[in-house]
């Protein structure tokens, strides 16, 4: 029995007690979900709920009296062996071994879908992250959001949401002209212009442009510039996509800012915002009154010279997301983008959306890596590609996922490269590899999850060792951990859960054998259903470790 199943059963008991007149609660006060938690002291049972304390005030009754009514009914839930009331009204619940142990078989049967829920079913989400300018390689500043954004997308999907991951390509504006002129200078063997992109990568791009269109070197520069700009842009974008793929990140949509200008999206957005009543024509320019919704100042959409601002593109882009059917828009922005929060929420409000519901903006803090070297090729930045080659995708992604987004990170490369239990990603991956190796060893002794007749050999009532009870309790928390991590956009909850699960597995592995013993005379004990059932538990743990690592975009090696 999982915590979710127990929670649902207790909620059903509560509803039945109200309908039977045993509890007098105002209409609408019965909670949709009853929370059950592991008690700190295992002597108090497997699970505990404070629902009687929560309902005492609306019921106008003593919480212990409410607890007594509920306890009498909870005792009749299948799989519950004991119920007692503690303190002012806490209800402690103990499951029988069979009910607790059945979870192991359920996990193996569910396979890679275990932990998936429908908690966010029906929600349509656009998740935008990274969105680096296509004027140079991805660098350390983009690394954290690449890892976290992809993990959040995986978590949302595992919780039933329909998610589109999106990369906004800033391929319009003056920076693209600066980029093109930098590559053009390299084509002619010149230093880049002042304020240009000085990295060696512009020389590589120049070589690629010349290989594709050698005639640009002899063309008038004004005539050649659009060609150079497009070819260099496409090459740099392809490199960005390849680096992301190497990092295990794949986007559903790459959205070009240029399309907003070329397809009339900015004009259309202004018309929509005007209809909503928040446009003001002032001093020859077109303004959006974002101060109506908490921004520190109104924002110019179209300057007096007729040129749209970056903010106009931001507004049009937001509206395209709404037009494409995304009820929820999530933006993942870097630490230097705090000023964007109020203005983006103001855009949503001016467009007629609810800024508390339809748009969410997450700001991430900076990360640093001790000893990381600035890329000679890219200039004065640390490239993501170099970090991948140095530390590896798994170590980077896991480390970035195990801390809240709003906390700065200083990555210790020596720790990440160590093969010790002090290295969290090694610790978790090793638990998975150990479980796989244990299964292989068990198979060598003839231990299988089925008997010779092909029927499952599983007796949940045999899983009574304290380390088995602890391991099963951890396994049961996985679905709720995934659901809360998705709802709160906090992948670190999954990482920390996996570390606790790995610890429980290692403790169980040290105490409980699932292979028969071999004696000094060479004889081997008979394979029993205890061995077979423990193999189910072993394989269930491996499955949950594998599922959790997958949600973080980290591999689960079978050998280490």
Protein backbone atom coordinates (compact mmCIF):
# COMPACT_ATOMS: atom_id res chain seq x y z
CA UNK A 1 0.00 0.00 0.00
CA UNK A 2 1.44 3.36 -1.04
CA UNK A 3 0.97 6.53 1.01
CA UNK A 4 -1.35 7.77 -1.74
CA UNK A 5 -3.51 4.66 -1.43
CA UNK A 6 -3.61 4.97 2.35
CA UNK A 7 -4.42 8.68 2.08
CA UNK A 8 -7.31 7.93 -0.28
CA UNK A 9 -8.59 5.20 2.03
CA UNK A 10 -8.54 7.51 5.07
CA UNK A 11 -10.25 10.27 3.07
CA UNK A 12 -12.96 7.78 2.10
CA UNK A 13 -13.38 6.78 5.76
CA UNK A 14 -13.72 10.43 6.71
CA UNK A 15 -16.39 11.03 4.07
CA UNK A 16 -18.30 7.92 5.20
CA UNK A 17 -18.18 9.07 8.83
CA UNK A 18 -19.64 12.46 7.89
CA UNK A 19 -22.39 10.88 5.78
CA UNK A 20 -23.23 8.48 8.63
CA UNK A 21 -23.64 11.40 11.02
CA UNK A 22 -20.70 10.35 13.20
CA UNK A 23 -18.90 13.61 12.46
CA UNK A 24 -20.62 16.98 12.27
CA UNK A 25 -18.70 19.05 9.74
CA UNK A 26 -19.86 22.12 7.79
CA UNK A 27 -20.41 21.56 4.08
CA UNK A 28 -17.20 21.88 2.11
CA UNK A 29 -14.87 21.36 5.08
CA UNK A 30 -14.01 17.75 4.27
CA UNK A 31 -10.54 17.90 2.70
CA UNK A 32 -10.02 16.58 -0.82
CA UNK A 33 -6.84 14.88 0.37
CA UNK A 34 -5.81 13.57 3.77
CA UNK A 35 -2.10 13.93 4.36
CA UNK A 36 -0.24 10.96 5.82
CA UNK A 37 3.38 11.19 6.92
CA UNK A 38 6.06 8.96 8.33
CA UNK A 39 6.26 9.42 12.12
CA UNK A 40 9.70 10.37 13.40
CA UNK A 41 9.56 7.47 15.87
CA UNK A 42 8.85 4.20 14.05
CA UNK A 43 7.47 2.74 17.28
CA UNK A 44 4.47 4.99 16.63
CA UNK A 45 3.53 3.11 13.47
CA UNK A 46 4.16 3.22 9.76
CA UNK A 47 2.15 6.34 9.00
CA UNK A 48 0.46 9.16 10.87
CA UNK A 49 -2.18 11.77 10.08
CA UNK A 50 -3.17 14.97 11.86
CA UNK A 51 -6.55 15.24 10.09
CA UNK A 52 -8.47 15.15 13.39
CA UNK A 53 -6.53 18.18 14.60
CA UNK A 54 -7.21 20.00 11.34
CA UNK A 55 -10.95 19.37 11.53
CA UNK A 56 -11.46 20.07 15.23
CA UNK A 57 -12.19 23.77 14.80
CA UNK A 58 -14.76 23.50 11.95
CA UNK A 59 -16.38 20.56 13.77
CA UNK A 60 -16.41 22.42 17.09
CA UNK A 61 -15.23 19.25 18.79
CA UNK A 62 -12.30 17.86 20.76
CA UNK A 63 -9.68 16.53 18.31
CA UNK A 64 -9.18 13.32 20.32
CA UNK A 65 -12.89 12.58 20.07
CA UNK A 66 -12.74 13.06 16.31
CA UNK A 67 -9.65 10.85 16.18
CA UNK A 68 -11.45 8.08 18.07
CA UNK A 69 -14.31 8.11 15.56
CA UNK A 70 -11.90 7.93 12.62
CA UNK A 71 -9.62 5.35 14.24
CA UNK A 72 -12.50 2.94 14.68
CA UNK A 73 -13.15 3.08 10.94
CA UNK A 74 -9.51 3.12 9.84
CA UNK A 75 -8.98 -0.19 11.67
CA UNK A 76 -11.29 -1.80 9.09
CA UNK A 77 -9.24 -0.70 6.06
CA UNK A 78 -7.72 -3.71 4.34
CA UNK A 79 -4.02 -3.93 5.13
CA UNK A 80 -4.18 -1.93 8.38
CA UNK A 81 -3.09 -4.00 11.37
CA UNK A 82 -3.24 -1.41 14.15
CA UNK A 83 -4.39 2.15 14.86
CA UNK A 84 -3.70 4.22 17.96
CA UNK A 85 -4.20 7.83 19.00
CA UNK A 86 -1.34 9.88 20.34
CA UNK A 87 -1.13 13.27 22.04
CA UNK A 88 -3.94 15.70 21.30
CA UNK A 89 -5.30 13.70 18.37
CA UNK A 90 -2.63 12.30 16.05
CA UNK A 91 -3.70 9.04 14.46
CA UNK A 92 -0.88 6.48 14.07
CA UNK A 93 -1.41 3.70 11.56
CA UNK A 94 0.48 0.41 11.27
CA UNK A 95 0.17 -1.70 8.13
CA UNK A 96 0.43 -5.46 8.12
CA UNK A 97 3.52 -6.85 6.41
CA UNK A 98 1.62 -8.10 3.37
CA UNK A 99 0.04 -4.72 2.67
CA UNK A 100 3.36 -2.91 3.03
CA UNK A 101 5.34 -5.48 1.05
CA UNK A 102 2.90 -5.66 -1.86
CA UNK A 103 4.35 -2.36 -3.02
CA UNK A 104 7.51 -4.10 -4.24
CA UNK A 105 5.58 -6.19 -6.74
CA UNK A 106 3.45 -3.24 -7.78
CA UNK A 107 6.59 -1.22 -8.60
CA UNK A 108 8.13 -3.97 -10.72
CA UNK A 109 4.84 -4.48 -12.55
CA UNK A 110 4.51 -0.74 -13.22
CA UNK A 111 8.10 -0.46 -14.45
CA UNK A 112 9.15 2.91 -15.81
CA UNK A 113 5.69 4.38 -15.20
CA UNK A 114 5.92 3.98 -11.42
CA UNK A 115 5.96 7.42 -9.87
CA UNK A 116 3.96 8.93 -12.70
CA UNK A 117 0.69 10.49 -11.62
CA UNK A 118 -2.18 12.47 -13.08
CA UNK A 119 -1.80 15.23 -10.50
CA UNK A 120 -1.41 17.88 -13.24
CA UNK A 121 -3.58 16.26 -15.89
CA UNK A 122 -5.40 18.74 -18.09
CA UNK A 123 -2.81 21.48 -17.65
CA UNK A 124 -1.12 22.79 -20.79
CA UNK A 125 2.27 24.34 -20.14
CA UNK A 126 4.79 26.22 -22.23
CA UNK A 127 8.19 26.03 -20.54
CA UNK A 128 10.83 28.38 -21.89
CA UNK A 129 14.43 28.12 -20.76
CA UNK A 130 18.05 28.77 -21.85
CA UNK A 131 17.08 31.05 -24.81
CA UNK A 132 20.65 32.25 -25.26
CA UNK A 133 21.49 34.68 -28.07
CA UNK A 134 22.74 32.77 -31.14
CA UNK A 135 25.85 34.92 -31.28
CA UNK A 136 28.23 32.56 -29.51
CA UNK A 137 28.54 29.20 -27.76
CA UNK A 138 26.55 28.25 -24.67
CA UNK A 139 28.50 28.96 -21.51
CA UNK A 140 28.44 28.33 -17.78
CA UNK A 141 25.71 30.92 -17.30
CA UNK A 142 23.33 28.79 -19.37
CA UNK A 143 24.28 25.46 -17.82
CA UNK A 144 22.10 25.58 -14.73
CA UNK A 145 18.88 26.41 -16.55
CA UNK A 146 19.56 23.79 -19.19
CA UNK A 147 19.69 21.13 -16.45
CA UNK A 148 16.86 22.48 -14.31
CA UNK A 149 14.57 23.38 -17.18
CA UNK A 150 14.79 19.95 -18.73
CA UNK A 151 14.26 18.27 -15.33
CA UNK A 152 11.20 20.43 -14.65
CA UNK A 153 9.78 19.50 -18.06
CA UNK A 154 10.27 15.80 -17.28
CA UNK A 155 8.62 16.18 -13.88
CA UNK A 156 5.63 18.05 -15.29
CA UNK A 157 5.10 15.37 -17.93
CA UNK A 158 5.42 12.61 -15.33
CA UNK A 159 2.65 14.36 -13.38
CA UNK A 160 0.25 14.37 -16.31
CA UNK A 161 0.77 17.88 -17.71
CA UNK A 162 1.05 18.50 -21.44
CA UNK A 163 4.36 20.33 -21.77
CA UNK A 164 6.07 22.07 -24.66
CA UNK A 165 9.70 22.97 -23.98
CA UNK A 166 10.70 26.04 -25.92
CA UNK A 167 13.85 27.96 -26.78
CA UNK A 168 13.36 31.59 -27.80
CA UNK A 169 15.98 32.55 -30.37
CA UNK A 170 16.93 36.21 -30.08
CA UNK A 171 17.82 36.45 -33.78
CA UNK A 172 16.62 40.02 -34.33
CA UNK A 173 18.08 43.32 -33.23
CA UNK A 174 21.43 45.03 -33.30
CA UNK A 175 23.37 42.20 -31.64
CA UNK A 176 22.89 40.13 -34.80
CA UNK A 177 24.45 42.92 -36.87
CA UNK A 178 27.36 43.13 -34.44
CA UNK A 179 27.72 39.36 -34.74
CA UNK A 180 27.66 39.46 -38.55
CA UNK A 181 30.25 42.26 -38.68
CA UNK A 182 32.50 40.30 -36.31
CA UNK A 183 32.43 37.28 -38.63
CA UNK A 184 32.86 39.53 -41.67
CA UNK A 185 36.01 41.02 -40.14
CA UNK A 186 37.41 37.52 -39.61
CA UNK A 187 36.66 36.67 -43.25
CA UNK A 188 38.91 39.55 -44.26
CA UNK A 189 41.61 38.70 -41.71
CA UNK A 190 40.84 41.69 -39.55
CA UNK A 191 40.30 42.14 -35.84
CA UNK A 192 36.65 42.34 -34.86
CA UNK A 193 35.23 45.86 -34.57
CA UNK A 194 35.13 47.53 -31.17
CA UNK A 195 32.23 46.12 -29.18
CA UNK A 196 32.16 43.01 -31.37
CA UNK A 197 32.51 39.31 -30.49
CA UNK A 198 36.25 38.67 -30.08
CA UNK A 199 36.26 34.92 -29.45
CA UNK A 200 38.21 32.56 -31.68
CA UNK A 201 34.91 30.89 -32.57
CA UNK A 202 34.18 33.77 -34.96
CA UNK A 203 37.21 32.63 -36.97
CA UNK A 204 35.71 29.13 -37.16
CA UNK A 205 32.40 30.60 -38.30
CA UNK A 206 34.20 32.71 -40.92
CA UNK A 207 35.85 29.56 -42.29
CA UNK A 208 32.48 27.80 -42.48
CA UNK A 209 30.89 30.75 -44.27
CA UNK A 210 33.73 30.84 -46.80
CA UNK A 211 33.49 27.11 -47.37
CA UNK A 212 29.78 27.48 -48.18
CA UNK A 213 29.95 30.80 -50.10
CA UNK A 214 33.55 31.66 -51.04
CA UNK A 215 32.40 34.54 -53.19
CA UNK A 216 31.35 36.63 -50.15
CA UNK A 217 34.99 37.64 -49.62
CA UNK A 218 35.03 39.47 -52.94
CA UNK A 219 31.57 40.98 -52.73
CA UNK A 220 30.89 44.52 -51.50
CA UNK A 221 30.53 44.21 -47.75
CA UNK A 222 27.05 45.70 -47.63
CA UNK A 223 25.94 43.11 -50.16
CA UNK A 224 27.75 40.24 -48.45
CA UNK A 225 26.67 41.08 -44.90
CA UNK A 226 23.14 39.53 -45.02
CA UNK A 227 24.59 36.32 -46.43
CA UNK A 228 27.33 36.18 -43.79
CA UNK A 229 24.83 36.95 -41.07
CA UNK A 230 22.46 34.15 -42.06
CA UNK A 231 25.13 31.49 -42.63
CA UNK A 232 27.01 32.30 -39.42
CA UNK A 233 23.75 32.41 -37.47
CA UNK A 234 22.60 29.02 -38.73
CA UNK A 235 26.01 27.49 -37.98
CA UNK A 236 26.11 28.91 -34.46
CA UNK A 237 22.53 27.79 -33.79
CA UNK A 238 23.40 24.27 -34.95
CA UNK A 239 26.34 24.24 -32.52
CA UNK A 240 24.06 25.36 -29.68
CA UNK A 241 21.61 22.57 -30.48
CA UNK A 242 24.42 20.02 -30.58
CA UNK A 243 25.79 21.14 -27.21
CA UNK A 244 22.31 20.88 -25.71
CA UNK A 245 21.90 17.41 -27.19
CA UNK A 246 25.24 16.40 -25.66
CA UNK A 247 23.82 17.64 -22.36
CA UNK A 248 20.70 15.54 -22.82
CA UNK A 249 18.43 18.52 -23.48
CA UNK A 250 16.03 18.54 -26.44
CA UNK A 251 13.52 21.30 -27.15
CA UNK A 252 10.12 20.78 -28.75
CA UNK A 253 10.15 24.26 -30.28
CA UNK A 254 12.82 26.72 -31.34
CA UNK A 255 10.93 30.00 -31.73
CA UNK A 256 12.56 32.72 -33.83
CA UNK A 257 12.16 36.33 -32.73
CA UNK A 258 12.49 37.35 -36.37
CA UNK A 259 9.11 35.74 -37.13
CA UNK A 260 7.45 38.22 -34.76
CA UNK A 261 8.68 41.05 -37.00
CA UNK A 262 8.20 39.37 -40.36
CA UNK A 263 4.73 37.94 -39.73
CA UNK A 264 3.11 41.04 -38.24
CA UNK A 265 2.92 39.57 -34.73
CA UNK A 266 4.05 42.81 -33.08
CA UNK A 267 1.36 44.86 -34.80
CA UNK A 268 -1.22 42.21 -33.95
CA UNK A 269 -0.12 42.23 -30.31
CA UNK A 270 -0.47 46.00 -30.11
CA UNK A 271 -3.99 45.77 -31.55
CA UNK A 272 -4.91 43.17 -28.93
CA UNK A 273 -3.46 45.21 -26.09
CA UNK A 274 -5.21 48.32 -27.38
CA UNK A 275 -8.52 46.46 -27.33
CA UNK A 276 -7.85 45.59 -23.69
CA UNK A 277 -7.56 49.32 -22.95
CA UNK A 278 -3.94 49.52 -21.80
CA UNK A 279 -2.28 51.22 -24.79
CA UNK A 280 -1.48 54.92 -24.68
CA UNK A 281 -0.16 57.10 -27.53
CA UNK A 282 2.25 59.61 -26.03
CA UNK A 283 5.01 61.84 -27.48
CA UNK A 284 4.74 60.16 -30.85
CA UNK A 285 5.40 56.72 -29.32
CA UNK A 286 3.12 53.83 -28.37
CA UNK A 287 3.20 52.89 -24.70
CA UNK A 288 1.83 50.00 -22.65
CA UNK A 289 0.57 51.14 -19.25
CA UNK A 290 2.21 48.37 -17.26
CA UNK A 291 2.10 50.54 -14.12
CA UNK A 292 -1.59 49.64 -14.02
CA UNK A 293 -0.43 46.21 -12.87
CA UNK A 294 2.51 46.87 -10.59
CA UNK A 295 5.40 47.61 -12.98
CA UNK A 296 7.69 50.43 -11.85
CA UNK A 297 7.16 52.39 -15.07
CA UNK A 298 5.20 52.26 -18.30
CA UNK A 299 6.95 50.60 -21.24
CA UNK A 300 7.46 51.82 -24.79
CA UNK A 301 6.31 49.40 -27.47
CA UNK A 302 6.96 51.49 -30.58
CA UNK A 303 9.45 54.35 -30.44
CA UNK A 304 8.73 57.73 -31.98
CA UNK A 305 10.81 56.77 -35.03
CA UNK A 306 8.50 53.78 -35.64
CA UNK A 307 10.97 51.14 -34.46
CA UNK A 308 9.62 48.42 -32.11
CA UNK A 309 11.42 47.93 -28.80
CA UNK A 310 12.65 44.69 -27.28
CA UNK A 311 9.68 44.97 -24.95
CA UNK A 312 7.32 44.95 -27.93
CA UNK A 313 8.84 41.63 -28.99
CA UNK A 314 8.44 40.31 -25.42
CA UNK A 315 4.76 41.26 -25.46
CA UNK A 316 4.14 39.77 -28.89
CA UNK A 317 5.95 36.59 -27.92
CA UNK A 318 3.81 36.20 -24.79
CA UNK A 319 0.66 36.62 -26.85
CA UNK A 320 1.80 34.00 -29.39
CA UNK A 321 2.07 31.52 -26.54
CA UNK A 322 -1.49 32.27 -25.56
CA UNK A 323 -2.64 32.00 -29.18
CA UNK A 324 -0.97 28.58 -29.41
CA UNK A 325 -3.16 27.31 -26.58
CA UNK A 326 -0.79 27.44 -23.61
CA UNK A 327 -2.79 28.30 -20.54
CA UNK A 328 0.33 28.31 -18.36
CA UNK A 329 3.53 30.02 -19.43
CA UNK A 330 6.66 29.34 -17.38
CA UNK A 331 9.81 31.42 -17.92
CA UNK A 332 13.15 30.33 -16.47
CA UNK A 333 15.43 33.36 -16.30
CA UNK A 334 18.95 34.04 -15.08
CA UNK A 335 20.01 35.89 -11.95
CA UNK A 336 20.38 39.18 -13.85
CA UNK A 337 16.73 39.17 -14.97
CA UNK A 338 14.93 40.12 -11.74
CA UNK A 339 13.69 43.28 -13.46
CA UNK A 340 11.77 41.17 -15.96
CA UNK A 341 9.39 39.69 -13.39
CA UNK A 342 7.11 42.71 -12.94
CA UNK A 343 7.09 43.67 -16.61
CA UNK A 344 6.30 40.15 -17.87
CA UNK A 345 3.50 39.76 -15.34
CA UNK A 346 2.22 43.18 -16.38
CA UNK A 347 2.15 42.02 -20.02
CA UNK A 348 0.01 39.05 -18.96
CA UNK A 349 -2.37 41.28 -17.04
CA UNK A 350 -2.61 43.85 -19.85
CA UNK A 351 -3.47 41.00 -22.22
CA UNK A 352 -6.36 39.96 -19.98
CA UNK A 353 -4.68 36.98 -18.33
CA UNK A 354 -4.36 36.27 -14.63
CA UNK A 355 -0.69 36.96 -13.73
CA UNK A 356 -1.02 34.68 -10.71
CA UNK A 357 -2.20 31.75 -12.80
CA UNK A 358 -1.18 32.15 -16.43
CA UNK A 359 2.46 33.17 -16.07
CA UNK A 360 5.21 31.98 -13.75
CA UNK A 361 8.75 33.35 -13.68
CA UNK A 362 11.57 31.48 -11.98
CA UNK A 363 14.86 33.25 -11.33
CA UNK A 364 17.97 31.12 -10.92
CA UNK A 365 21.13 32.05 -9.09
CA UNK A 366 24.63 31.81 -10.50
CA UNK A 367 26.85 28.76 -10.48
CA UNK A 368 30.62 28.59 -10.45
CA UNK A 369 33.07 25.75 -10.92
CA UNK A 370 36.35 25.80 -9.04
CA UNK A 371 39.29 25.59 -11.39
CA UNK A 372 37.25 25.95 -14.58
CA UNK A 373 39.28 27.52 -17.36
CA UNK A 374 38.08 30.29 -19.61
CA UNK A 375 37.71 29.05 -23.17
CA UNK A 376 40.40 30.34 -25.52
CA UNK A 377 38.09 29.59 -28.43
CA UNK A 378 35.13 31.50 -27.01
CA UNK A 379 37.03 34.37 -25.46
CA UNK A 380 36.31 35.29 -21.85
CA UNK A 381 33.68 32.66 -21.05
CA UNK A 382 33.60 29.07 -19.77
CA UNK A 383 31.86 26.98 -22.41
CA UNK A 384 29.20 24.39 -21.54
CA UNK A 385 30.82 22.03 -24.05
CA UNK A 386 34.09 22.22 -22.09
CA UNK A 387 32.29 21.54 -18.80
CA UNK A 388 30.63 18.47 -20.31
CA UNK A 389 33.97 17.12 -21.55
CA UNK A 390 35.62 17.83 -18.20
CA UNK A 391 33.01 16.74 -15.65
CA UNK A 392 30.50 14.70 -17.63
CA UNK A 393 26.81 15.19 -18.25
CA UNK A 394 25.63 12.99 -15.37
CA UNK A 395 27.74 14.68 -12.70
CA UNK A 396 26.81 18.17 -13.89
CA UNK A 397 23.10 17.53 -14.27
CA UNK A 398 22.70 15.74 -10.97
CA UNK A 399 24.66 18.37 -9.06
CA UNK A 400 22.67 21.22 -10.59
CA UNK A 401 19.39 19.41 -9.90
CA UNK A 402 20.04 18.73 -6.20
CA UNK A 403 19.98 22.37 -5.10
CA UNK A 404 17.07 24.84 -5.13
CA UNK A 405 17.23 27.18 -8.12
CA UNK A 406 17.43 30.26 -5.92
CA UNK A 407 20.61 29.14 -4.13
CA UNK A 408 24.06 29.90 -5.57
CA UNK A 409 26.22 26.85 -6.34
CA UNK A 410 29.98 26.46 -6.20
CA UNK A 411 30.73 23.14 -7.89
CA UNK A 412 33.67 21.13 -6.59
CA UNK A 413 35.10 19.25 -9.62
CA UNK A 414 37.27 16.96 -7.50
CA UNK A 415 34.20 15.77 -5.61
CA UNK A 416 32.20 15.20 -8.79
CA UNK A 417 34.98 13.12 -10.28
CA UNK A 418 35.50 11.03 -7.15
CA UNK A 419 34.19 7.49 -6.85
CA UNK A 420 33.26 7.73 -3.18
CA UNK A 421 30.08 7.93 -1.16
CA UNK A 422 30.78 11.62 -0.61
CA UNK A 423 29.91 12.20 -4.26
CA UNK A 424 26.08 12.23 -4.34
CA UNK A 425 25.69 11.21 -7.99
CA UNK A 426 28.14 8.33 -7.54
CA UNK A 427 26.33 7.27 -4.35
CA UNK A 428 22.95 7.06 -6.08
CA UNK A 429 24.25 5.53 -9.31
CA UNK A 430 26.25 2.99 -7.32
CA UNK A 431 23.10 1.92 -5.47
CA UNK A 432 21.47 1.21 -8.83
CA UNK A 433 24.54 -0.65 -10.12
CA UNK A 434 24.72 -2.65 -6.89
CA UNK A 435 21.05 -3.64 -7.22
CA UNK A 436 21.65 -4.78 -10.79
CA UNK A 437 24.72 -6.75 -9.74
CA UNK A 438 22.82 -8.31 -6.84
CA UNK A 439 20.13 -9.47 -9.25
CA UNK A 440 22.78 -11.01 -11.51
CA UNK A 441 24.34 -12.82 -8.57
CA UNK A 442 20.94 -14.07 -7.43
CA UNK A 443 20.23 -15.39 -10.92
CA UNK A 444 23.52 -17.36 -10.79
CA UNK A 445 22.12 -19.16 -7.72
CA UNK A 446 18.84 -19.87 -9.49
CA UNK A 447 16.86 -17.14 -7.73
CA UNK A 448 14.15 -15.67 -9.96
CA UNK A 449 10.98 -13.68 -9.44
CA UNK A 450 8.99 -16.68 -10.70
CA UNK A 451 8.92 -20.36 -9.80
CA UNK A 452 9.58 -23.15 -12.25
CA UNK A 453 5.91 -23.14 -13.30
CA UNK A 454 6.25 -19.50 -14.41
CA UNK A 455 4.03 -18.13 -11.67
CA UNK A 456 5.21 -15.12 -9.67
CA UNK A 457 6.96 -16.16 -6.47
CA UNK A 458 6.09 -13.27 -4.21
CA UNK A 459 5.00 -13.38 -0.58
CA UNK A 460 4.78 -9.86 0.77
CA UNK A 461 4.26 -11.08 4.32
CA UNK A 462 7.88 -12.31 4.39
CA UNK A 463 9.32 -8.77 4.18
CA UNK A 464 9.45 -8.17 7.93
CA UNK A 465 13.05 -7.16 8.62
CA UNK A 466 13.29 -3.56 9.94
CA UNK A 467 15.48 -2.55 6.99
CA UNK A 468 12.83 -3.94 4.63
CA UNK A 469 10.12 -1.93 6.33
CA UNK A 470 12.28 1.17 6.03
CA UNK A 471 13.12 0.53 2.38
CA UNK A 472 9.47 -0.07 1.50
CA UNK A 473 8.48 3.16 3.24
CA UNK A 474 11.00 5.08 1.12
CA UNK A 475 9.78 3.41 -2.07
CA UNK A 476 6.22 4.37 -1.23
CA UNK A 477 7.12 8.06 -1.05
CA UNK A 478 8.31 8.25 -4.65
CA UNK A 479 5.00 9.17 -6.37
CA UNK A 480 4.25 11.97 -3.91
CA UNK A 481 7.83 13.23 -4.19
CA UNK A 482 7.53 13.45 -7.96
CA UNK A 483 4.16 15.18 -7.75
CA UNK A 484 5.35 17.79 -5.25
CA UNK A 485 8.59 18.38 -7.16
CA UNK A 486 6.55 19.02 -10.31
CA UNK A 487 4.01 21.28 -8.62
CA UNK A 488 6.70 23.34 -6.88
CA UNK A 489 9.17 23.23 -9.84
CA UNK A 490 11.81 21.80 -7.49
CA UNK A 491 13.79 18.91 -9.00
CA UNK A 492 16.08 18.91 -5.95
CA UNK A 493 13.31 17.10 -4.06
CA UNK A 494 13.81 14.10 -6.33
CA UNK A 495 17.60 14.19 -5.97
CA UNK A 496 17.46 14.33 -2.18
CA UNK A 497 14.85 11.57 -2.18
CA UNK A 498 17.11 9.35 -4.29
CA UNK A 499 19.96 9.84 -1.85
CA UNK A 500 17.75 8.78 1.06
CA UNK A 501 16.51 5.78 -0.93
CA UNK A 502 20.07 4.78 -1.81
CA UNK A 503 20.99 4.95 1.87
CA UNK A 504 18.03 2.72 2.82
CA UNK A 505 18.96 0.27 0.06
CA UNK A 506 22.59 0.02 1.16
CA UNK A 507 21.43 -0.64 4.75
CA UNK A 508 19.05 -3.36 3.57
CA UNK A 509 21.69 -4.92 1.31
CA UNK A 510 24.04 -5.25 4.29
CA UNK A 511 21.44 -7.06 6.40
CA UNK A 512 19.23 -9.14 4.11
CA UNK A 513 20.36 -11.88 1.75
CA UNK A 514 18.47 -12.66 -1.42
CA UNK A 515 20.91 -15.37 -2.53
CA UNK A 516 21.10 -18.67 -0.63
CA UNK A 517 24.10 -19.20 1.65
CA UNK A 518 27.06 -21.30 0.55
CA UNK A 519 28.67 -23.44 3.28
CA UNK A 520 32.30 -24.44 3.78
CA UNK A 521 31.61 -27.92 2.45
CA UNK A 522 30.37 -26.42 -0.80
CA UNK A 523 26.69 -27.09 -0.21
CA UNK A 524 24.20 -24.34 -0.98
CA UNK A 525 20.96 -23.68 0.86
CA UNK A 526 17.70 -24.23 -0.97
CA UNK A 527 16.17 -21.27 -2.78
CA UNK A 528 13.06 -20.20 -0.89
CA UNK A 529 10.25 -17.74 -1.46
CA UNK A 530 12.04 -15.34 0.91
CA UNK A 531 14.93 -15.15 -1.56
CA UNK A 532 12.53 -14.69 -4.46
CA UNK A 533 10.48 -12.04 -2.67
CA UNK A 534 13.60 -10.13 -1.71
CA UNK A 535 14.61 -10.17 -5.37
CA UNK A 536 11.31 -8.40 -6.11
CA UNK A 537 12.21 -5.79 -3.50
CA UNK A 538 15.72 -5.43 -4.91
CA UNK A 539 14.41 -5.00 -8.44
CA UNK A 540 11.73 -2.56 -7.25
CA UNK A 541 14.43 -0.39 -5.70
CA UNK A 542 16.50 -0.49 -8.89
CA UNK A 543 13.40 0.55 -10.85
CA UNK A 544 12.67 3.55 -8.64
CA UNK A 545 16.32 4.65 -8.68
CA UNK A 546 16.26 4.36 -12.47
CA UNK A 547 12.98 6.25 -12.76
CA UNK A 548 14.17 9.04 -10.47
CA UNK A 549 17.49 9.48 -12.24
CA UNK A 550 15.68 9.59 -15.57
CA UNK A 551 13.55 12.48 -14.32
CA UNK A 552 16.77 14.38 -13.69
CA UNK A 553 18.22 13.48 -17.08
CA UNK A 554 20.88 11.28 -15.46
CA UNK A 555 21.82 7.76 -16.54
CA UNK A 556 21.46 4.67 -14.35
CA UNK A 557 24.48 2.44 -15.06
CA UNK A 558 24.13 -1.29 -14.43
CA UNK A 559 27.85 -1.70 -13.71
CA UNK A 560 30.34 0.63 -12.05
